[in-house]
Amino acid sequence: MRWTSIGLVLLGAVCSQSAPAPAVKGHTWPMFGGTVHRNLVSETTGLPATWSVAEGKTKNIKWSAKLGNKALGGPIVAGGRIFVGTNRPHGSDEDEDKGVLMCFRESDGKFLWQAVHESNKDGTGAQGYGIVSSPCVDGDRLYYVNNRWEVVCADVAGDGEKAKILWKLDMVKDLKVYPGGLSGSLSICSPLVVDDLVFVVTANGAEGKNKVPAPDAPSFVALNKTTGKLVWEDHSPGKNIMDGQWGNPAAARVNGQWHVYFPGGDGWLYAFEAKTGKLVWKFDCNPKTADFRPGGRGTRNYFVNTPVVWENKLYIPTGRQPDDGNGEGHLWCIDITKTPKNDDKDLSPVGDNFDPKAAVNKDSGLVWHFGGSVDPKPEGAGREYVFGRTVSTVAIHDGLLYAPELAGYLNCLDARTGKKHWEQDLKTPTWSSPLVADGKVYMGTEEGSMFVFAHGKELKKPTKIDMDQALLSPPTAINGVLYVSNGNYLFAIGAK
């Protein structure tokens, strides 16, 4: 299997039940999204609104560090170190295809150590893309998924210039996972640590003609973070996996109990008790009339992104892997405190009635829905979708939600009501996700531009900055510095 042209995004602190998910306030950004709520918002200040990476004309660049020629996982910052996945070892001039996790010093970008994983000789896996997973740092350990579908636990300090691997779990050999997808089989999950458990989406998937070779293999697992031993597993999507499973888990405390949220390859979102794996509820993120057909056809979608928790609500849009192209998408807001009244523990809206105030939906978890096709279909050049497919994760701050579409539109909505405030056509596809920090919204695109918007209900003309190469992962902002990867280099951008 081969992945043709994808940069997935794919990539803490907790709150009380009644409080909103916090922006990252401390000195670390230890996982994709910064906290277990996965909300791409940072409260750091002093970030620049403009900069330049042009040779001989650099501006506001503290330092830059050479990566390989692909780096799809967003940078993670913890303990004075920065971790980022790429595809070629540090210091190599050869056209090597490996899975590499690099570690740099936060203050000046000095290379510290790297983990190098060989590619699979049979041509499977993330050929050419290296390590796509953004690691999760927990104390003196970090966890990531490599290019061989192994969950890896390593010491954050390394061993000289090499990694110090503490344990590995081979999900193919030990869990009988079939890493699939009609267009490839990347291992992109950015693990999540809650208490003593590490949560991982396994990448179990489909092959040609929508067949799932290993329907009984786990799609979602909880591992002991010290030993790597399997604690519990779930294979709810089973034979209904549509393509690959490329989303990331999120977590929140509800009524004093940790819940973890798994974006299933069947287009359903699942909530489990973190400790036991007991199903709390599930939610169908597609209309009941939607159908899935390979190659981008059909209207039923899955997830190539991450759930976000804010004010006891969960936000997640649907999409397809980018090679499937544009199409009808849906963005959902779900009440995570709702208790299902049926034996199936289904919080989905009834039928295709997406009105949360409708009598039939009184027991559903639906707060609001945004998306679907425009009816009646517009004539001429008008948009056919209210909201299109996406591979991006949303960001929420001050009650404003920013949601990109694969086609290159950035939407700003009211996070509590779903009301649309504005839309900006970026004129190019985007596979990245927005970051909100210091009164700005940073949004990268496939053509290599970083758009810098003013955070707010009113759309103002954004600044457009050329980053030379495609921006396929979201930036990170911490300690007054913005970190942006363009695949070839990691840039530390600071105004001072």
Protein backbone atom coordinates (compact mmCIF):
# COMPACT_ATOMS: atom_id res chain seq x y z
CA MET A 1 0.00 0.00 0.00
CA ARG A 2 1.22 3.49 -0.78
CA TRP A 3 0.33 6.90 0.52
CA THR A 4 0.33 9.32 -2.37
CA SER A 5 0.08 12.90 -1.17
CA ILE A 6 -0.93 13.33 2.40
CA GLY A 7 0.28 15.43 5.27
CA LEU A 8 -1.87 14.54 8.23
CA VAL A 9 -2.31 16.42 11.28
CA LEU A 10 -2.74 15.15 12.34
CA LEU A 11 -0.80 16.01 16.65
CA GLY A 12 -1.77 17.83 30.52
CA ALA A 13 -3.66 20.27 32.06
CA VAL A 14 -7.27 19.47 32.95
CA CYS A 15 -10.33 21.43 33.98
CA SER A 16 -13.25 20.93 36.32
CA GLN A 17 -16.53 19.79 34.86
CA SER A 18 -17.98 23.29 34.69
CA ALA A 19 -14.88 25.07 33.39
CA PRO A 20 -13.83 25.49 29.76
CA ALA A 21 -10.82 23.62 28.49
CA PRO A 22 -7.91 25.91 29.27
CA ALA A 23 -5.45 27.40 26.88
CA VAL A 24 -1.91 26.22 27.55
CA LYS A 25 -0.55 28.49 30.29
CA GLY A 26 2.64 26.80 31.47
CA HIS A 27 6.08 26.41 30.00
CA THR A 28 5.41 23.23 28.06
CA TRP A 29 3.39 21.98 25.08
CA PRO A 30 3.74 18.26 25.87
CA MET A 31 1.41 16.76 23.26
CA PHE A 32 -0.59 17.53 20.13
CA GLY A 33 -3.04 20.21 21.27
CA GLY A 34 -1.05 21.07 24.38
CA THR A 35 -3.46 19.39 26.85
CA VAL A 36 -5.63 16.28 26.96
CA HIS A 37 -8.49 18.42 25.63
CA ARG A 38 -6.45 18.85 22.41
CA ASN A 39 -7.47 22.48 21.97
CA LEU A 40 -4.86 24.30 19.87
CA VAL A 41 -4.78 27.46 21.99
CA SER A 42 -1.85 28.97 23.90
CA GLU A 43 -1.83 31.89 26.32
CA THR A 44 1.77 32.82 25.60
CA THR A 45 2.30 36.44 24.53
CA GLY A 46 4.80 38.51 22.59
CA LEU A 47 4.45 36.52 19.37
CA PRO A 48 5.22 38.23 16.05
CA ALA A 49 2.54 39.00 13.50
CA THR A 50 5.09 38.87 10.68
CA TRP A 51 8.49 37.35 9.93
CA SER A 52 10.64 36.17 7.03
CA VAL A 53 12.52 32.93 6.38
CA ALA A 54 13.93 34.08 3.03
CA GLU A 55 17.66 33.48 2.72
CA GLY A 56 19.55 36.68 3.43
CA LYS A 57 16.35 38.43 4.52
CA THR A 58 15.39 36.61 7.71
CA LYS A 59 13.35 38.55 10.24
CA ASN A 60 12.21 37.56 13.72
CA ILE A 61 13.90 34.15 13.43
CA LYS A 62 15.59 33.10 16.68
CA TRP A 63 17.01 29.91 15.18
CA SER A 64 16.27 27.16 12.65
CA ALA A 65 17.08 23.44 12.75
CA LYS A 66 17.43 21.11 9.76
CA LEU A 67 14.97 18.24 9.58
CA GLY A 68 14.61 15.69 6.77
CA ASN A 69 12.54 16.59 3.72
CA LYS A 70 9.21 15.63 5.34
CA ALA A 71 8.02 16.41 8.87
CA LEU A 72 4.30 16.05 9.38
CA GLY A 73 4.02 15.89 13.16
CA GLY A 74 3.76 19.20 14.98
CA PRO A 75 6.63 20.19 17.31
CA ILE A 76 6.27 19.23 20.99
CA VAL A 77 7.96 21.30 23.70
CA ALA A 78 8.70 20.08 27.23
CA GLY A 79 11.53 20.27 29.74
CA GLY A 80 13.61 22.66 27.64
CA ARG A 81 13.54 20.23 24.70
CA ILE A 82 11.69 20.15 21.38
CA PHE A 83 10.65 16.88 19.74
CA VAL A 84 9.61 16.49 16.10
CA GLY A 85 9.21 13.54 13.74
CA THR A 86 10.83 13.43 10.30
CA ASN A 87 12.12 10.99 7.66
CA ARG A 88 15.94 11.34 7.47
CA PRO A 89 18.54 11.08 10.23
CA HIS A 90 20.32 14.20 11.45
CA GLY A 91 23.56 14.84 9.57
CA SER A 92 22.70 12.49 6.70
CA ASP A 93 23.19 13.73 3.17
CA GLU A 94 21.76 10.57 1.63
CA ASP A 95 18.23 10.10 0.36
CA GLU A 96 17.35 7.82 3.25
CA ASP A 97 13.84 6.66 4.05
CA LYS A 98 13.56 6.05 7.78
CA GLY A 99 11.41 6.98 10.72
CA VAL A 100 13.23 9.59 12.78
CA LEU A 101 12.30 11.41 15.98
CA MET A 102 14.63 14.36 16.62
CA CYS A 103 15.25 16.22 19.86
CA PHE A 104 16.56 19.81 19.95
CA ARG A 105 17.35 22.24 22.75
CA GLU A 106 14.57 24.78 23.15
CA SER A 107 16.80 27.77 23.82
CA ASP A 108 18.99 27.67 20.70
CA GLY A 109 17.93 24.73 18.50
CA LYS A 110 21.02 22.64 19.21
CA PHE A 111 20.59 19.02 18.11
CA LEU A 112 20.55 16.73 21.16
CA TRP A 113 19.57 13.19 20.08
CA GLN A 114 17.49 11.15 17.67
CA ALA A 115 15.63 7.84 17.43
CA VAL A 116 16.08 6.15 14.05
CA HIS A 117 13.71 3.39 12.91
CA GLU A 118 14.23 1.41 9.71
CA SER A 119 11.47 1.39 7.09
CA ASN A 120 9.63 -1.83 6.34
CA LYS A 121 11.39 -3.71 3.55
CA ASP A 122 8.09 -4.87 2.03
CA GLY A 123 7.18 -1.30 1.09
CA THR A 124 4.39 -0.92 3.63
CA GLY A 125 4.15 1.85 6.18
CA ALA A 126 4.95 5.53 5.95
CA GLN A 127 7.28 5.25 2.99
CA GLY A 128 8.99 8.61 2.56
CA TYR A 129 7.05 10.28 5.37
CA GLY A 130 8.99 9.04 8.38
CA ILE A 131 7.42 9.51 11.80
CA VAL A 132 4.12 11.35 11.48
CA SER A 133 3.07 10.91 15.11
CA SER A 134 3.50 13.87 17.46
CA PRO A 135 4.89 12.45 20.71
CA CYS A 136 3.32 12.86 24.13
CA VAL A 137 5.70 13.79 26.96
CA ASP A 138 4.86 12.61 30.47
CA GLY A 139 7.52 13.42 33.06
CA ASP A 140 10.84 11.92 31.98
CA ARG A 141 9.26 9.74 29.28
CA LEU A 142 7.80 10.32 25.86
CA TYR A 143 5.47 8.15 23.78
CA TYR A 144 4.99 8.03 20.01
CA VAL A 145 4.06 5.69 17.16
CA ASN A 146 6.85 5.01 14.68
CA ASN A 147 6.80 4.16 10.97
CA ARG A 148 6.62 0.42 11.74
CA TRP A 149 3.35 0.63 13.76
CA GLU A 150 5.20 0.27 17.03
CA VAL A 151 4.25 2.24 20.11
CA VAL A 152 7.55 3.51 21.50
CA CYS A 153 8.41 4.73 24.99
CA ALA A 154 11.71 6.62 25.27
CA ASP A 155 13.63 8.62 27.85
CA VAL A 156 13.35 12.37 27.16
CA ALA A 157 17.07 12.85 27.91
CA GLY A 158 18.28 10.36 25.32
CA ASP A 159 21.57 8.49 25.53
CA GLY A 160 24.23 10.75 24.09
CA GLU A 161 23.07 11.55 20.56
CA LYS A 162 20.95 8.39 20.39
CA ALA A 163 17.55 7.61 21.83
CA LYS A 164 17.17 5.59 24.99
CA ILE A 165 14.25 3.27 24.21
CA LEU A 166 12.53 1.92 27.32
CA TRP A 167 9.94 -0.30 25.65
CA LYS A 168 8.16 -0.93 22.33
CA LEU A 169 4.88 -2.60 21.44
CA ASP A 170 4.55 -4.00 17.92
CA MET A 171 0.86 -3.53 17.10
CA VAL A 172 1.03 -5.74 14.01
CA LYS A 173 2.84 -8.66 15.65
CA ASP A 174 1.43 -8.45 19.17
CA LEU A 175 -2.10 -7.14 18.53
CA LYS A 176 -2.68 -8.58 15.02
CA VAL A 177 -3.52 -5.13 13.66
CA TYR A 178 -3.78 -4.68 9.88
CA PRO A 179 -2.60 -1.09 9.25
CA GLY A 180 -4.78 -0.22 6.32
CA GLY A 181 -6.30 2.46 4.23
CA LEU A 182 -7.36 2.50 0.61
CA SER A 183 -4.52 4.90 -0.19
CA GLY A 184 -1.91 3.93 2.34
CA SER A 185 -1.12 2.91 5.86
CA LEU A 186 0.51 5.68 7.85
CA SER A 187 0.83 5.38 11.62
CA ILE A 188 -0.07 8.88 12.69
CA CYS A 189 -1.62 8.63 16.14
CA SER A 190 -0.36 11.12 18.69
CA PRO A 191 -0.68 9.16 21.95
CA LEU A 192 -2.44 10.44 25.03
CA VAL A 193 -1.44 9.80 28.66
CA VAL A 194 -4.05 9.85 31.43
CA ASP A 195 -2.95 8.72 34.88
CA ASP A 196 -1.08 5.42 34.37
CA LEU A 197 -2.40 4.66 30.88
CA VAL A 198 -1.28 5.48 27.35
CA PHE A 199 -4.08 5.61 24.75
CA VAL A 200 -3.39 4.88 21.08
CA VAL A 201 -5.44 4.59 17.88
CA THR A 202 -3.91 1.51 16.25
CA ALA A 203 -4.38 2.32 12.51
CA ASN A 204 -6.27 -0.93 11.93
CA GLY A 205 -7.92 -0.40 8.55
CA ALA A 206 -9.29 -1.55 5.24
CA GLU A 207 -7.81 -2.66 1.96
CA GLY A 208 -9.21 -2.68 -1.59
CA LYS A 209 -12.98 -2.77 -2.13
CA ASN A 210 -13.70 -1.69 1.42
CA LYS A 211 -12.68 -5.01 2.96
CA VAL A 212 -11.38 -5.06 6.54
CA PRO A 213 -8.85 -7.91 6.85
CA ALA A 214 -8.72 -7.84 10.68
CA PRO A 215 -12.14 -6.73 11.97
CA ASP A 216 -11.51 -8.30 15.38
CA ALA A 217 -8.16 -6.58 15.90
CA PRO A 218 -8.24 -3.63 18.27
CA SER A 219 -8.78 -0.15 16.90
CA PHE A 220 -8.19 1.62 20.19
CA VAL A 221 -5.98 0.46 23.07
CA ALA A 222 -4.98 1.45 26.58
CA LEU A 223 -1.44 0.48 27.61
CA ASN A 224 0.36 0.55 30.92
CA LYS A 225 2.64 3.57 30.55
CA THR A 226 5.44 1.96 32.57
CA THR A 227 5.56 -1.47 30.91
CA GLY A 228 3.72 -1.13 27.59
CA LYS A 229 1.45 -4.05 28.50
CA LEU A 230 -2.09 -4.06 27.11
CA VAL A 231 -4.66 -3.04 29.76
CA TRP A 232 -7.79 -2.91 27.62
CA GLU A 233 -8.77 -2.77 23.95
CA ASP A 234 -11.76 -1.90 21.79
CA HIS A 235 -12.61 -2.90 18.24
CA SER A 236 -16.05 -1.26 17.96
CA PRO A 237 -15.69 -0.18 14.30
CA GLY A 238 -15.00 -3.81 13.35
CA LYS A 239 -15.89 -4.62 9.76
CA ASN A 240 -17.39 -1.13 9.30
CA ILE A 241 -14.03 0.65 9.04
CA MET A 242 -14.25 2.66 5.84
CA ASP A 243 -10.59 3.36 5.10
CA GLY A 244 -7.81 3.99 7.62
CA GLN A 245 -8.01 5.09 11.25
CA TRP A 246 -5.91 8.23 11.55
CA GLY A 247 -7.46 10.30 14.33
CA ASN A 248 -6.11 11.05 17.79
CA PRO A 249 -7.83 10.46 21.14
CA ALA A 250 -8.82 13.21 23.57
CA ALA A 251 -9.85 13.08 27.24
CA ALA A 252 -11.81 14.99 29.89
CA ARG A 253 -13.03 14.57 33.45
CA VAL A 254 -16.82 14.20 33.64
CA ASN A 255 -18.45 14.01 37.07
CA GLY A 256 -15.09 13.21 38.60
CA GLN A 257 -14.29 10.37 36.21
CA TRP A 258 -11.85 10.34 33.30
CA HIS A 259 -13.39 9.67 29.89
CA VAL A 260 -11.39 9.12 26.69
CA TYR A 261 -12.76 9.87 23.22
CA PHE A 262 -11.95 7.69 20.21
CA PRO A 263 -12.70 8.86 16.63
CA GLY A 264 -13.62 5.55 14.97
CA GLY A 265 -12.95 4.54 11.40
CA ASP A 266 -16.68 3.92 10.94
CA GLY A 267 -17.50 7.61 11.40
CA TRP A 268 -18.73 7.13 14.98
CA LEU A 269 -17.24 8.90 17.98
CA TYR A 270 -16.90 6.72 21.09
CA ALA A 271 -16.55 7.71 24.76
CA PHE A 272 -15.05 5.20 27.20
CA GLU A 273 -14.26 5.12 30.88
CA ALA A 274 -10.52 5.64 30.79
CA LYS A 275 -9.72 3.16 33.54
CA THR A 276 -11.93 0.26 32.45
CA GLY A 277 -12.70 0.70 28.75
CA LYS A 278 -16.44 0.55 29.46
CA LEU A 279 -18.49 2.29 26.76
CA VAL A 280 -20.09 5.50 28.07
CA TRP A 281 -21.76 6.65 24.85
CA LYS A 282 -21.38 6.75 21.08
CA PHE A 283 -22.39 9.28 18.42
CA ASP A 284 -22.83 8.84 14.66
CA CYS A 285 -21.15 11.80 12.91
CA ASN A 286 -22.81 11.15 9.54
CA PRO A 287 -26.39 11.43 8.29
CA LYS A 288 -28.15 8.07 8.27
CA THR A 289 -28.71 8.45 4.52
CA ALA A 290 -24.98 8.93 3.82
CA ASP A 291 -23.14 6.21 1.92
CA PHE A 292 -19.44 5.46 1.66
CA ARG A 293 -17.80 4.60 -1.64
CA PRO A 294 -14.03 4.34 -2.15
CA GLY A 295 -12.07 6.85 -4.19
CA GLY A 296 -13.72 9.93 -2.75
CA ARG A 297 -17.22 9.02 -3.84
CA GLY A 298 -20.24 8.92 -1.59
CA THR A 299 -21.16 11.20 1.30
CA ARG A 300 -20.23 9.18 4.38
CA ASN A 301 -16.99 10.34 5.99
CA TYR A 302 -14.64 9.43 8.83
CA PHE A 303 -12.02 11.33 10.86
CA VAL A 304 -8.50 12.47 9.96
CA ASN A 305 -8.25 14.81 12.93
CA THR A 306 -8.70 15.10 16.67
CA PRO A 307 -11.70 15.72 18.95
CA VAL A 308 -11.53 18.95 20.98
CA VAL A 309 -13.18 19.44 24.39
CA TRP A 310 -14.32 22.89 25.54
CA GLU A 311 -16.93 23.82 28.19
CA ASN A 312 -18.08 20.20 28.58
CA LYS A 313 -18.72 20.00 24.87
CA LEU A 314 -16.85 18.00 22.27
CA TYR A 315 -16.22 19.39 18.79
CA ILE A 316 -15.25 17.29 15.79
CA PRO A 317 -15.62 17.64 12.00
CA THR A 318 -15.62 14.83 9.44
CA GLY A 319 -13.62 14.30 6.27
CA ARG A 320 -11.56 11.94 4.14
CA GLN A 321 -7.87 11.53 3.44
CA PRO A 322 -6.85 14.35 1.05
CA ASP A 323 -6.45 12.17 -2.04
CA ASP A 324 -10.22 11.60 -1.92
CA GLY A 325 -10.76 15.28 -2.66
CA ASN A 326 -13.42 17.70 -1.55
CA GLY A 327 -16.98 16.84 -0.64
CA GLU A 328 -19.76 17.32 1.85
CA GLY A 329 -18.63 17.50 5.47
CA HIS A 330 -20.16 17.92 8.92
CA LEU A 331 -19.07 19.69 12.09
CA TRP A 332 -20.61 18.52 15.37
CA CYS A 333 -20.92 19.90 18.89
CA ILE A 334 -21.75 17.16 21.43
CA ASP A 335 -22.66 17.40 25.13
CA ILE A 336 -20.19 15.07 26.87
CA THR A 337 -22.13 15.12 30.16
CA LYS A 338 -25.29 13.60 28.66
CA THR A 339 -26.26 10.11 29.80
CA PRO A 340 -27.78 7.87 27.11
CA LYS A 341 -31.27 6.50 27.78
CA ASN A 342 -31.05 3.51 25.43
CA ASP A 343 -29.32 0.15 25.72
CA ASP A 344 -27.03 0.93 22.77
CA LYS A 345 -25.73 4.03 24.59
CA ASP A 346 -26.35 6.01 21.42
CA LEU A 347 -26.44 9.81 21.75
CA SER A 348 -26.89 10.44 18.02
CA PRO A 349 -29.71 12.64 16.74
CA VAL A 350 -32.73 10.69 15.59
CA GLY A 351 -32.87 10.00 11.87
CA ASP A 352 -31.50 13.00 10.02
CA ASN A 353 -33.13 15.57 12.23
CA PHE A 354 -30.27 17.83 13.31
CA ASP A 355 -32.42 20.26 15.32
CA PRO A 356 -31.27 19.90 18.95
CA LYS A 357 -34.59 21.38 20.13
CA ALA A 358 -36.70 18.81 18.26
CA ALA A 359 -38.69 16.53 20.53
CA VAL A 360 -37.16 13.41 18.99
CA ASN A 361 -33.71 14.66 20.02
CA LYS A 362 -34.46 15.34 23.68
CA ASP A 363 -32.28 12.41 24.75
CA SER A 364 -29.50 12.97 22.20
CA GLY A 365 -26.16 14.62 22.90
CA LEU A 366 -26.52 17.00 19.97
CA VAL A 367 -25.83 20.64 20.85
CA TRP A 368 -25.54 21.91 17.28
CA HIS A 369 -24.58 20.81 13.78
CA PHE A 370 -22.97 22.75 10.93
CA GLY A 371 -22.49 21.39 7.45
CA GLY A 372 -23.94 19.32 4.67
CA SER A 373 -24.80 20.36 1.16
CA VAL A 374 -26.44 23.64 0.13
CA ASP A 375 -30.12 23.16 -0.71
CA PRO A 376 -31.15 24.15 -3.28
CA LYS A 377 -27.91 23.60 -5.16
CA PRO A 378 -26.48 26.99 -6.22
CA GLU A 379 -26.25 27.97 -9.82
CA GLY A 380 -22.96 29.04 -11.34
CA ALA A 381 -19.88 29.26 -9.12
CA GLY A 382 -21.57 29.18 -5.72
CA ARG A 383 -20.40 26.75 -3.03
CA GLU A 384 -22.21 23.41 -2.95
CA TYR A 385 -21.42 22.69 0.72
CA VAL A 386 -22.21 24.55 3.91
CA PHE A 387 -19.07 22.91 5.27
CA GLY A 388 -16.70 20.67 3.35
CA ARG A 389 -14.52 17.71 4.24
CA THR A 390 -11.56 18.44 6.46
CA VAL A 391 -8.44 16.79 7.87
CA SER A 392 -7.98 19.63 10.38
CA THR A 393 -8.60 19.91 14.10
CA VAL A 394 -10.61 22.91 15.29
CA ALA A 395 -9.38 25.54 17.77
CA ILE A 396 -11.64 27.34 20.28
CA HIS A 397 -10.96 30.52 22.26
CA ASP A 398 -13.20 33.18 23.83
CA GLY A 399 -16.24 31.34 22.51
CA LEU A 400 -14.99 31.47 18.93
CA LEU A 401 -14.34 28.29 16.98
CA TYR A 402 -11.99 28.17 13.96
CA ALA A 403 -12.63 25.32 11.52
CA PRO A 404 -10.71 24.88 8.24
CA GLU A 405 -11.86 22.85 5.24
CA LEU A 406 -9.67 20.77 2.97
CA ALA A 407 -10.69 22.99 0.05
CA GLY A 408 -8.99 25.96 1.73
CA TYR A 409 -11.75 27.77 3.61
CA LEU A 410 -11.35 28.94 7.20
CA ASN A 411 -14.62 29.34 9.10
CA CYS A 412 -15.17 31.26 12.32
CA LEU A 413 -18.24 30.14 14.31
CA ASP A 414 -19.81 30.78 17.68
CA ALA A 415 -18.68 27.74 19.69
CA ARG A 416 -21.83 27.72 21.81
CA THR A 417 -24.45 28.08 19.07
CA GLY A 418 -22.79 27.13 15.77
CA LYS A 419 -23.65 30.52 14.28
CA LYS A 420 -21.23 31.49 11.52
CA HIS A 421 -19.38 34.78 11.94
CA TRP A 422 -17.13 34.74 8.87
CA GLU A 423 -15.42 32.67 6.21
CA GLN A 424 -12.12 33.25 4.41
CA ASP A 425 -11.11 31.57 1.16
CA LEU A 426 -7.37 30.88 1.42
CA LYS A 427 -7.23 30.06 -2.32
CA THR A 428 -5.28 26.86 -1.65
CA PRO A 429 -5.97 23.56 0.15
CA THR A 430 -5.06 23.19 3.79
CA TRP A 431 -4.16 20.02 5.68
CA SER A 432 -2.95 21.86 8.77
CA SER A 433 -4.89 23.09 11.81
CA PRO A 434 -5.26 26.59 13.26
CA LEU A 435 -3.41 27.76 16.36
CA VAL A 436 -4.81 30.61 18.48
CA ALA A 437 -2.26 32.56 20.49
CA ASP A 438 -1.58 36.16 21.51
CA GLY A 439 -4.70 37.54 19.84
CA LYS A 440 -3.80 35.89 16.54
CA VAL A 441 -4.91 32.85 14.53
CA TYR A 442 -2.08 31.13 12.67
CA MET A 443 -3.25 29.05 9.69
CA GLY A 444 -0.85 27.19 7.36
CA THR A 445 -1.60 25.99 3.84
CA GLU A 446 -0.43 23.35 1.40
CA GLU A 447 1.19 25.91 -0.87
CA GLY A 448 3.50 27.05 1.94
CA SER A 449 1.79 30.22 3.16
CA MET A 450 1.13 31.05 6.79
CA PHE A 451 -1.91 33.29 7.21
CA VAL A 452 -2.02 35.37 10.40
CA PHE A 453 -5.55 36.49 11.29
CA ALA A 454 -6.70 38.76 14.09
CA HIS A 455 -8.67 36.69 16.59
CA GLY A 456 -12.25 37.96 16.71
CA LYS A 457 -15.82 37.93 15.43
CA GLU A 458 -15.01 40.35 12.62
CA LEU A 459 -12.90 39.25 9.68
CA LYS A 460 -9.89 41.46 9.07
CA LYS A 461 -7.45 41.10 6.21
CA PRO A 462 -4.80 38.58 7.28
CA THR A 463 -1.06 38.82 6.86
CA LYS A 464 0.33 36.24 4.43
CA ILE A 465 3.86 34.94 5.00
CA ASP A 466 5.81 32.70 2.62
CA MET A 467 7.33 29.68 4.40
CA ASP A 468 8.92 28.25 1.22
CA GLN A 469 7.53 24.70 1.66
CA ALA A 470 4.11 23.18 2.39
CA LEU A 471 2.84 23.64 5.94
CA LEU A 472 1.30 20.29 6.79
CA SER A 473 1.24 20.45 10.58
CA PRO A 474 0.04 23.11 13.02
CA PRO A 475 2.52 25.45 14.69
CA THR A 476 3.23 25.44 18.42
CA ALA A 477 3.46 28.56 20.60
CA ILE A 478 5.05 28.51 24.03
CA ASN A 479 7.31 30.75 26.12
CA GLY A 480 6.96 33.68 23.74
CA VAL A 481 8.12 31.71 20.69
CA LEU A 482 6.22 30.34 17.70
CA TYR A 483 7.54 27.04 16.30
CA VAL A 484 6.76 26.27 12.67
CA SER A 485 7.87 23.27 10.61
CA ASN A 486 7.85 23.41 6.83
CA GLY A 487 9.12 19.84 6.48
CA ASN A 488 12.71 20.81 5.77
CA TYR A 489 13.37 23.09 8.74
CA LEU A 490 11.98 23.81 12.17
CA PHE A 491 11.85 27.58 12.76
CA ALA A 492 11.79 29.26 16.15
CA ILE A 493 10.06 32.60 15.54
CA GLY A 494 10.18 35.34 18.17
CA ALA A 495 9.61 39.08 18.13
CA LYS A 496 12.30 39.84 20.71
